[in-house]
Amino acid sequence: MHVVFFNRSFYPDGAATGQLLTDLAGDLVQQHGWRVTVISGVPLVPSHPALPSLGGWLIGREDYKGVAIRRARGTHFDKRRFAGRAANYLSYFLTACWAGLRVDRPDIVVAMTDPPIIGLAAWLASKRAGAPLVMAYQDLFPEVTALLEDFHSDTVDRGLQWVNCFLCRRATRIVALGETMKRRLIENKGAAEEKTVVISNWADTTAIVPGAKTNAFAREHGLAEAFVVMHSGNLGLSQNLETMVEAAALLRDLPDLRVVFQGEGVKKADLERQAAALGLSNVVFLPYAPLDRLGDSFAAADVFVVSLQRGLAGYIVPSKLYGILAAGRPYIAAVEESCEVAALTRARQCGLLAEPGDAASLARRIRELYEDRSLASRLGANARAAGLAFDRTAQVERYASLLATLTRPTVPRAAQPAPGNA
């Protein structure tokens, strides 16, 4: 079986979609014996050792753990501004279209949503090969474009809505990250219910396990003796992270409390300025933790915050939740009632809920866990039990089963029985 994936982000990029696709593609090769090609963009990690040797003027070639990577080259303008992001996405999209028409014929084509129009390149490749198309949605557009602070366009929004409706009609199968997202796809994008399935994102529960809070990572960053409230992952536009800084200001009376932002993203500089303007000494900014230290970095936290701007339930599903569950740590979910995270939190009793965008509500929940460590411990134990249901192996197996039902590998001509000898 030859599967071709389309997504701009892939190894070694730190973006959540890139990490998840790296897991999925690698496991399909190593655990299921499939042939996998990923048409991705050039990595945004400057130190990536393969960059000098990618070869090719338009399409670079690389291999990672048996996955054939075709790096569609594009621009690398500053993504903090809309013009830069648009140019980067469009140039990658055009090169990816070309790469998709030149790749060895696939048995199945899968598109994720980075950028939101990449499904069109995957559709072209599937048409050329006569192969099924699977749309695996990570975010839904144009609803997510409302997050953009420097650009709003009704014309662009209508175009993105048309693209998503077109792809939902053409796809053989559609994957949603949760039941709310599935409902959004059916009601807002015209997806057929019988074609739409739910497969959640995941964490590797063998690599991320509950660990001792006092560890090398915690000592290195002065967190071993503190009560640590952590946001780990992309510091982007969707999470209402300013609310965490405001909550930190309301909790100044707790001398050993630290609010930690671990990661990078377009909002980091704004958050640093906000914390400085409020004179907060209890807010700490750390870079992404290397993969080999991820377990210790999660263990250094006493509680995590999972947040999402109001109005985005079902259009974005915070994938960071699954690593938190695997680490056996409690969390506060500042999300709407209809969000998948809220439903899981209630069903599994593994966290507390707060009002999205409400610093006072978030601060009250943090104080509750600060004062009741036994409650935090019980929620953390429940989180680990819940996390096992979203283990990487199980979720990849669900993808493999779905893809296997759509097509079967072509039998080589020489191996086909002669007429009359079947």
Protein backbone atom coordinates (compact mmCIF):
# COMPACT_ATOMS: atom_id res chain seq x y z
CA MET A 1 0.00 0.00 0.00
CA HIS A 2 1.43 3.37 -1.01
CA VAL A 3 -0.07 6.27 0.97
CA VAL A 4 0.74 9.90 0.13
CA PHE A 5 0.15 12.58 2.79
CA PHE A 6 -0.06 16.33 2.19
CA ASN A 7 0.76 18.73 5.05
CA ARG A 8 3.20 21.60 5.23
CA SER A 9 4.52 20.72 8.69
CA PHE A 10 6.47 17.49 9.22
CA TYR A 11 9.61 16.34 11.01
CA PRO A 12 11.51 18.12 12.50
CA ASP A 13 9.01 20.98 12.92
CA GLY A 14 7.53 21.43 16.38
CA ALA A 15 3.99 22.28 15.27
CA ALA A 16 1.40 19.84 16.61
CA THR A 17 0.17 18.74 13.18
CA GLY A 18 3.74 18.05 12.08
CA GLN A 19 4.51 15.95 15.14
CA LEU A 20 1.30 13.97 14.79
CA LEU A 21 1.87 13.30 11.09
CA THR A 22 5.46 12.25 11.84
CA ASP A 23 4.11 9.69 14.32
CA LEU A 24 1.41 8.44 11.95
CA ALA A 25 3.59 8.18 8.84
CA GLY A 26 6.47 6.51 10.69
CA ASP A 27 4.22 3.96 12.39
CA LEU A 28 2.45 3.05 9.14
CA VAL A 29 5.88 2.24 7.71
CA GLN A 30 7.44 0.51 10.70
CA GLN A 31 4.44 -1.18 12.31
CA HIS A 32 2.26 -1.89 9.27
CA GLY A 33 4.81 -2.27 6.49
CA TRP A 34 3.26 0.32 4.21
CA ARG A 35 5.03 2.61 1.79
CA VAL A 36 4.50 6.24 2.80
CA THR A 37 5.36 9.51 1.07
CA VAL A 38 4.83 12.91 2.72
CA ILE A 39 4.70 16.08 0.64
CA SER A 40 5.69 18.68 3.20
CA GLY A 41 7.36 22.07 3.30
CA VAL A 42 10.99 22.84 4.05
CA PRO A 43 11.42 22.59 7.83
CA LEU A 44 11.25 25.80 9.80
CA VAL A 45 13.93 24.50 12.17
CA PRO A 46 17.15 26.21 11.02
CA SER A 47 19.45 23.59 12.55
CA HIS A 48 17.87 20.68 10.71
CA PRO A 49 20.90 18.71 9.43
CA ALA A 50 19.24 17.61 6.19
CA LEU A 51 18.70 21.13 4.90
CA PRO A 52 22.05 21.49 3.07
CA SER A 53 21.57 18.17 1.27
CA LEU A 54 17.92 18.20 0.26
CA GLY A 55 18.81 18.46 -3.42
CA GLY A 56 16.50 19.54 -6.18
CA TRP A 57 15.63 23.11 -7.10
CA LEU A 58 11.89 22.93 -6.54
CA ILE A 59 11.36 19.68 -4.63
CA GLY A 60 13.85 18.38 -2.07
CA ARG A 61 14.16 14.69 -1.28
CA GLU A 62 14.76 13.18 2.11
CA ASP A 63 14.05 10.02 4.10
CA TYR A 64 13.11 9.76 7.76
CA LYS A 65 12.52 6.39 9.43
CA GLY A 66 11.51 4.87 6.12
CA VAL A 67 9.15 7.71 5.17
CA ALA A 68 9.92 9.30 1.79
CA ILE A 69 9.73 13.08 2.24
CA ARG A 70 9.25 15.43 -0.68
CA ARG A 71 10.02 18.95 0.51
CA ALA A 72 8.01 21.42 -1.56
CA ARG A 73 10.04 24.60 -1.46
CA GLY A 74 8.39 27.92 -0.77
CA THR A 75 8.99 31.36 0.66
CA HIS A 76 10.01 31.95 4.28
CA PHE A 77 8.69 35.41 5.06
CA ASP A 78 7.95 36.57 8.60
CA LYS A 79 4.79 34.64 9.57
CA ARG A 80 3.83 37.17 12.21
CA ARG A 81 2.22 39.24 9.46
CA PHE A 82 -0.60 38.05 7.23
CA ALA A 83 1.22 38.90 4.00
CA GLY A 84 4.16 36.72 5.03
CA ARG A 85 1.96 33.81 6.09
CA ALA A 86 -0.11 34.03 2.90
CA ALA A 87 2.98 34.05 0.67
CA ASN A 88 4.50 31.10 2.52
CA TYR A 89 1.32 29.06 2.32
CA LEU A 90 0.60 29.87 -1.33
CA SER A 91 4.14 29.14 -2.52
CA TYR A 92 4.13 25.82 -0.66
CA PHE A 93 0.72 24.98 -2.07
CA LEU A 94 1.77 25.58 -5.68
CA THR A 95 4.94 23.52 -5.31
CA ALA A 96 3.01 20.78 -3.50
CA CYS A 97 0.59 20.60 -6.44
CA TRP A 98 3.55 20.00 -8.75
CA ALA A 99 5.08 17.42 -6.40
CA GLY A 100 1.76 15.58 -6.09
CA LEU A 101 1.55 15.16 -9.86
CA ARG A 102 5.09 13.74 -10.04
CA VAL A 103 5.07 11.38 -7.06
CA ASP A 104 4.88 7.61 -7.68
CA ARG A 105 1.26 6.58 -8.11
CA PRO A 106 -0.42 6.26 -4.69
CA ASP A 107 -3.07 3.77 -3.61
CA ILE A 108 -4.59 6.41 -1.33
CA VAL A 109 -4.11 10.13 -0.71
CA VAL A 110 -4.57 11.84 2.67
CA ALA A 111 -4.65 15.60 3.27
CA MET A 112 -4.42 17.43 6.55
CA THR A 113 -5.16 21.15 6.85
CA ASP A 114 -1.85 23.02 6.94
CA PRO A 115 -2.46 25.23 5.01
CA PRO A 116 -6.28 25.09 4.72
CA ILE A 117 -6.19 24.83 0.92
CA ILE A 118 -3.70 21.95 0.76
CA GLY A 119 -6.58 19.52 0.23
CA LEU A 120 -6.89 20.86 -3.31
CA ALA A 121 -3.36 19.66 -4.10
CA ALA A 122 -4.23 16.27 -2.61
CA TRP A 123 -7.44 16.14 -4.66
CA LEU A 124 -5.46 16.75 -7.87
CA ALA A 125 -3.05 13.94 -6.95
CA SER A 126 -5.93 11.58 -6.15
CA LYS A 127 -7.66 12.38 -9.45
CA ARG A 128 -4.49 11.69 -11.41
CA ALA A 129 -3.96 8.34 -9.65
CA GLY A 130 -7.62 7.33 -9.49
CA ALA A 131 -7.08 6.89 -5.74
CA PRO A 132 -9.42 7.57 -2.80
CA LEU A 133 -9.03 10.92 -1.02
CA VAL A 134 -9.20 11.19 2.78
CA MET A 135 -9.53 14.62 4.40
CA ALA A 136 -8.14 14.53 7.96
CA TYR A 137 -9.25 17.82 9.49
CA GLN A 138 -7.16 19.38 12.25
CA ASP A 139 -8.79 22.83 12.06
CA LEU A 140 -11.86 24.13 10.26
CA PHE A 141 -11.78 27.23 8.09
CA PRO A 142 -12.85 29.98 7.58
CA GLU A 143 -13.97 30.04 11.22
CA VAL A 144 -10.37 29.90 12.47
CA THR A 145 -9.38 32.92 10.35
CA ALA A 146 -11.37 35.06 12.79
CA LEU A 147 -8.29 34.73 15.02
CA LEU A 148 -6.16 36.78 12.65
CA GLU A 149 -5.38 40.12 14.22
CA ASP A 150 -3.94 41.78 11.14
CA PHE A 151 -6.25 40.65 8.34
CA HIS A 152 -9.97 40.05 7.81
CA SER A 153 -11.58 39.52 4.43
CA ASP A 154 -15.07 38.34 3.55
CA THR A 155 -13.76 37.34 0.12
CA VAL A 156 -11.04 35.11 1.60
CA ASP A 157 -13.55 33.62 4.05
CA ARG A 158 -15.97 32.78 1.24
CA GLY A 159 -13.14 31.20 -0.72
CA LEU A 160 -12.07 29.03 2.23
CA GLN A 161 -15.67 27.99 2.84
CA TRP A 162 -16.01 26.97 -0.82
CA VAL A 163 -12.76 24.97 -0.65
CA ASN A 164 -13.88 23.07 2.44
CA CYS A 165 -17.34 22.33 1.05
CA PHE A 166 -15.79 21.20 -2.27
CA LEU A 167 -13.35 18.86 -0.51
CA CYS A 168 -16.02 17.42 1.79
CA ARG A 169 -18.09 16.53 -1.27
CA ARG A 170 -15.15 14.97 -3.13
CA ALA A 171 -13.50 13.08 -0.25
CA THR A 172 -14.05 9.35 0.09
CA ARG A 173 -13.73 9.62 3.87
CA ILE A 174 -13.51 12.56 6.28
CA VAL A 175 -11.79 12.38 9.66
CA ALA A 176 -12.83 14.69 12.51
CA LEU A 177 -11.04 15.04 15.84
CA GLY A 178 -14.19 14.82 17.94
CA GLU A 179 -17.95 14.66 17.89
CA THR A 180 -18.39 18.45 17.93
CA MET A 181 -16.04 18.82 14.96
CA LYS A 182 -17.92 16.04 13.17
CA ARG A 183 -21.16 17.93 13.69
CA ARG A 184 -19.59 21.15 12.40
CA LEU A 185 -18.41 19.36 9.25
CA ILE A 186 -21.83 17.87 8.58
CA GLU A 187 -23.85 20.99 9.37
CA ASN A 188 -21.50 23.71 8.07
CA LYS A 189 -19.41 22.06 5.34
CA GLY A 190 -21.84 19.61 3.78
CA ALA A 191 -19.97 16.47 4.82
CA ALA A 192 -22.02 13.29 4.49
CA GLU A 193 -22.56 11.67 7.88
CA GLU A 194 -21.90 8.17 6.56
CA LYS A 195 -18.48 9.28 5.24
CA THR A 196 -17.38 11.12 8.39
CA VAL A 197 -15.58 9.33 11.23
CA VAL A 198 -13.99 10.46 14.48
CA ILE A 199 -10.35 9.64 15.22
CA SER A 200 -8.82 11.66 18.03
CA ASN A 201 -5.25 12.86 18.24
CA TRP A 202 -2.92 11.11 20.66
CA ALA A 203 0.15 10.96 22.86
CA ASP A 204 2.71 8.19 23.28
CA THR A 205 1.78 6.89 26.72
CA THR A 206 4.95 4.80 26.88
CA ALA A 207 7.18 7.85 26.30
CA ILE A 208 5.19 10.28 28.48
CA VAL A 209 4.47 8.78 31.89
CA PRO A 210 3.74 10.20 35.34
CA GLY A 211 7.07 11.27 36.80
CA ALA A 212 8.57 12.82 39.89
CA LYS A 213 8.08 16.56 40.13
CA THR A 214 11.58 17.05 41.54
CA ASN A 215 13.68 16.19 38.52
CA ALA A 216 16.59 17.66 36.58
CA PHE A 217 14.38 19.83 34.39
CA ALA A 218 12.51 21.29 37.36
CA ARG A 219 15.73 22.01 39.27
CA GLU A 220 17.37 23.58 36.21
CA HIS A 221 14.53 26.10 35.83
CA GLY A 222 13.90 26.75 39.51
CA LEU A 223 10.55 24.95 39.56
CA ALA A 224 11.22 22.08 41.95
CA GLU A 225 9.93 23.93 45.03
CA ALA A 226 7.19 25.92 43.25
CA PHE A 227 3.54 25.18 42.54
CA VAL A 228 3.71 25.23 38.75
CA VAL A 229 0.77 26.15 36.49
CA MET A 230 1.91 25.37 32.94
CA HIS A 231 0.86 25.99 29.36
CA SER A 232 2.97 23.77 27.10
CA GLY A 233 2.92 24.07 23.33
CA ASN A 234 2.31 26.67 20.68
CA LEU A 235 1.78 30.21 21.99
CA GLY A 236 -0.75 31.06 19.33
CA LEU A 237 -3.89 33.04 18.72
CA SER A 238 -6.52 30.48 19.63
CA GLN A 239 -5.83 29.92 23.33
CA ASN A 240 -6.66 33.24 25.06
CA LEU A 241 -3.27 33.13 26.78
CA GLU A 242 -3.54 36.71 27.98
CA THR A 243 -6.05 35.36 30.51
CA MET A 244 -3.32 33.26 32.11
CA VAL A 245 -1.15 36.34 32.63
CA GLU A 246 -4.12 38.19 34.14
CA ALA A 247 -4.77 35.21 36.43
CA ALA A 248 -1.13 35.29 37.53
CA ALA A 249 -1.66 38.91 38.59
CA LEU A 250 -4.65 37.84 40.71
CA LEU A 251 -2.52 35.17 42.42
CA ARG A 252 0.43 37.32 43.47
CA ASP A 253 -0.32 36.54 47.12
CA LEU A 254 0.84 32.93 46.61
CA PRO A 255 4.63 33.35 46.87
CA ASP A 256 5.58 29.90 45.57
CA LEU A 257 3.23 29.87 42.57
CA ARG A 258 4.71 30.10 39.08
CA VAL A 259 2.79 30.43 35.81
CA VAL A 260 4.97 28.87 33.12
CA PHE A 261 4.62 29.27 29.35
CA GLN A 262 6.69 26.58 27.64
CA GLY A 263 6.89 26.91 23.87
CA GLU A 264 7.09 29.44 21.06
CA GLY A 265 4.59 31.19 18.84
CA VAL A 266 3.28 34.46 17.46
CA LYS A 267 1.87 35.57 20.84
CA LYS A 268 5.03 35.06 22.90
CA ALA A 269 6.36 38.61 22.58
CA ASP A 270 2.96 40.08 23.44
CA LEU A 271 2.67 37.88 26.52
CA GLU A 272 6.17 38.85 27.66
CA ARG A 273 5.29 42.53 27.31
CA GLN A 274 2.01 42.01 29.19
CA ALA A 275 3.75 40.28 32.10
CA ALA A 276 6.42 42.99 32.23
CA ALA A 277 3.83 45.79 32.14
CA LEU A 278 2.05 44.19 35.13
CA GLY A 279 5.34 43.78 36.98
CA LEU A 280 4.83 40.04 37.41
CA SER A 281 7.69 38.02 38.80
CA ASN A 282 5.62 34.83 38.97
CA VAL A 283 5.40 34.38 35.16
CA VAL A 284 8.15 32.34 33.47
CA PHE A 285 8.80 31.79 29.75
CA LEU A 286 10.68 28.69 28.60
CA PRO A 287 11.49 27.39 25.11
CA TYR A 288 10.17 24.09 23.77
CA ALA A 289 11.56 21.12 25.67
CA PRO A 290 13.55 18.64 23.55
CA LEU A 291 11.71 15.35 22.98
CA ASP A 292 14.08 13.47 25.28
CA ARG A 293 13.18 15.88 28.12
CA LEU A 294 9.48 16.17 27.42
CA GLY A 295 8.53 13.72 30.17
CA ASP A 296 10.47 15.66 32.82
CA SER A 297 9.05 18.98 31.63
CA PHE A 298 5.48 17.66 31.98
CA ALA A 299 6.29 16.19 35.39
CA ALA A 300 7.56 19.60 36.59
CA ALA A 301 3.99 20.95 36.38
CA ASP A 302 1.45 20.64 39.19
CA VAL A 303 -1.44 21.67 36.94
CA PHE A 304 -1.85 22.53 33.26
CA VAL A 305 -4.14 24.99 31.55
CA VAL A 306 -5.97 24.04 28.34
CA SER A 307 -7.77 27.02 26.86
CA LEU A 308 -9.63 27.99 23.71
CA GLN A 309 -11.21 31.23 22.63
CA ARG A 310 -14.97 31.41 22.85
CA GLY A 311 -16.67 30.50 19.54
CA LEU A 312 -14.01 27.97 18.44
CA ALA A 313 -15.45 24.78 19.96
CA GLY A 314 -15.38 22.08 17.32
CA TYR A 315 -13.35 24.19 14.89
CA ILE A 316 -10.13 23.55 16.85
CA VAL A 317 -9.45 20.68 19.27
CA PRO A 318 -6.46 21.33 21.61
CA SER A 319 -4.12 18.40 20.89
CA LYS A 320 -1.91 19.27 23.87
CA LEU A 321 -4.54 17.66 26.11
CA TYR A 322 -3.38 14.13 25.27
CA GLY A 323 0.18 14.69 26.49
CA ILE A 324 -1.19 16.14 29.73
CA LEU A 325 -3.38 13.06 30.23
CA ALA A 326 -0.43 10.75 29.55
CA ALA A 327 1.67 12.61 32.14
CA GLY A 328 -1.00 12.06 34.78
CA ARG A 329 -1.37 15.71 35.64
CA PRO A 330 -4.61 17.56 36.41
CA TYR A 331 -5.64 20.47 34.24
CA ILE A 332 -8.01 23.40 34.11
CA ALA A 333 -10.01 23.56 30.88
CA ALA A 334 -11.04 27.13 30.07
CA VAL A 335 -13.31 26.12 27.21
CA GLU A 336 -16.96 26.29 26.15
CA GLU A 337 -19.48 23.66 27.19
CA SER A 338 -19.68 22.25 23.66
CA CYS A 339 -15.91 21.72 23.37
CA GLU A 340 -14.69 18.12 23.21
CA VAL A 341 -12.33 18.87 26.11
CA ALA A 342 -15.22 19.82 28.39
CA ALA A 343 -17.05 16.57 27.67
CA LEU A 344 -13.94 14.48 28.38
CA THR A 345 -13.19 16.44 31.56
CA ARG A 346 -16.64 15.71 32.96
CA ALA A 347 -16.80 12.09 31.85
CA ARG A 348 -13.36 11.18 33.19
CA GLN A 349 -13.16 13.56 36.20
CA CYS A 350 -9.59 14.49 35.28
CA GLY A 351 -9.69 18.29 35.46
CA LEU A 352 -11.68 21.37 36.40
CA LEU A 353 -13.63 23.68 34.11
CA ALA A 354 -13.32 27.47 33.97
CA GLU A 355 -15.01 30.13 31.88
CA PRO A 356 -13.02 30.88 28.70
CA GLY A 357 -11.50 34.36 28.70
CA ASP A 358 -12.34 34.94 32.39
CA ALA A 359 -9.19 35.52 34.44
CA ALA A 360 -11.06 35.52 37.77
CA SER A 361 -12.64 32.14 36.99
CA LEU A 362 -9.27 30.68 36.00
CA ALA A 363 -7.57 32.11 39.11
CA ARG A 364 -10.25 30.58 41.36
CA ARG A 365 -9.70 27.16 39.87
CA ILE A 366 -5.91 27.45 40.21
CA ARG A 367 -6.30 28.49 43.85
CA GLU A 368 -8.62 25.53 44.44
CA LEU A 369 -5.97 23.06 43.31
CA TYR A 370 -3.22 24.98 45.12
CA GLU A 371 -5.12 24.63 48.40
CA ASP A 372 -6.35 21.06 47.87
CA ARG A 373 -3.39 18.94 46.78
CA SER A 374 -5.34 15.71 47.36
CA LEU A 375 -7.92 16.84 44.78
CA ALA A 376 -5.10 17.58 42.34
CA SER A 377 -3.67 14.11 42.96
CA ARG A 378 -7.02 12.38 42.33
CA LEU A 379 -7.60 14.33 39.12
CA GLY A 380 -4.08 13.47 37.94
CA ALA A 381 -4.62 9.75 38.51
CA ASN A 382 -7.86 9.92 36.55
CA ALA A 383 -6.05 11.81 33.78
CA ARG A 384 -3.52 9.02 33.31
CA ALA A 385 -6.31 6.43 33.12
CA ALA A 386 -8.10 8.57 30.52
CA GLY A 387 -4.88 9.07 28.55
CA LEU A 388 -4.48 5.36 27.93
CA ALA A 389 -7.60 5.51 25.74
CA PHE A 390 -5.79 7.98 23.46
CA ASP A 391 -2.52 6.11 23.13
CA ARG A 392 -0.58 6.58 19.92
CA THR A 393 -0.60 2.89 18.98
CA ALA A 394 -4.38 2.60 19.27
CA GLN A 395 -5.12 5.77 17.30
CA VAL A 396 -2.66 4.92 14.52
CA GLU A 397 -4.29 1.50 14.30
CA ARG A 398 -7.64 3.22 13.76
CA TYR A 399 -6.14 5.22 10.86
CA ALA A 400 -4.60 2.06 9.40
CA SER A 401 -7.93 0.22 9.61
CA LEU A 402 -9.78 3.11 7.97
CA LEU A 403 -7.30 3.40 5.10
CA ALA A 404 -7.17 -0.35 4.57
CA THR A 405 -10.94 -0.49 4.06
CA LEU A 406 -10.76 2.06 1.24
CA THR A 407 -8.31 0.33 -1.05
CA ARG A 408 -6.14 -2.70 -1.41
CA PRO A 409 -2.58 -2.77 -2.75
CA THR A 410 -2.33 -3.45 -6.45
CA VAL A 411 -1.02 -6.95 -7.29
CA PRO A 412 2.09 -6.67 -9.50
CA ARG A 413 1.37 -7.72 -13.06
CA ALA A 414 3.90 -10.56 -13.00
CA ALA A 415 2.24 -12.04 -9.91
CA GLN A 416 -1.29 -11.99 -11.33
CA PRO A 417 -2.70 -15.40 -12.31
CA ALA A 418 -2.96 -16.17 -16.00
CA PRO A 419 -6.47 -16.15 -17.52
CA GLY A 420 -8.24 -19.40 -16.80
CA ASN A 421 -5.86 -20.32 -13.94
CA ALA A 422 -7.60 -18.38 -11.18
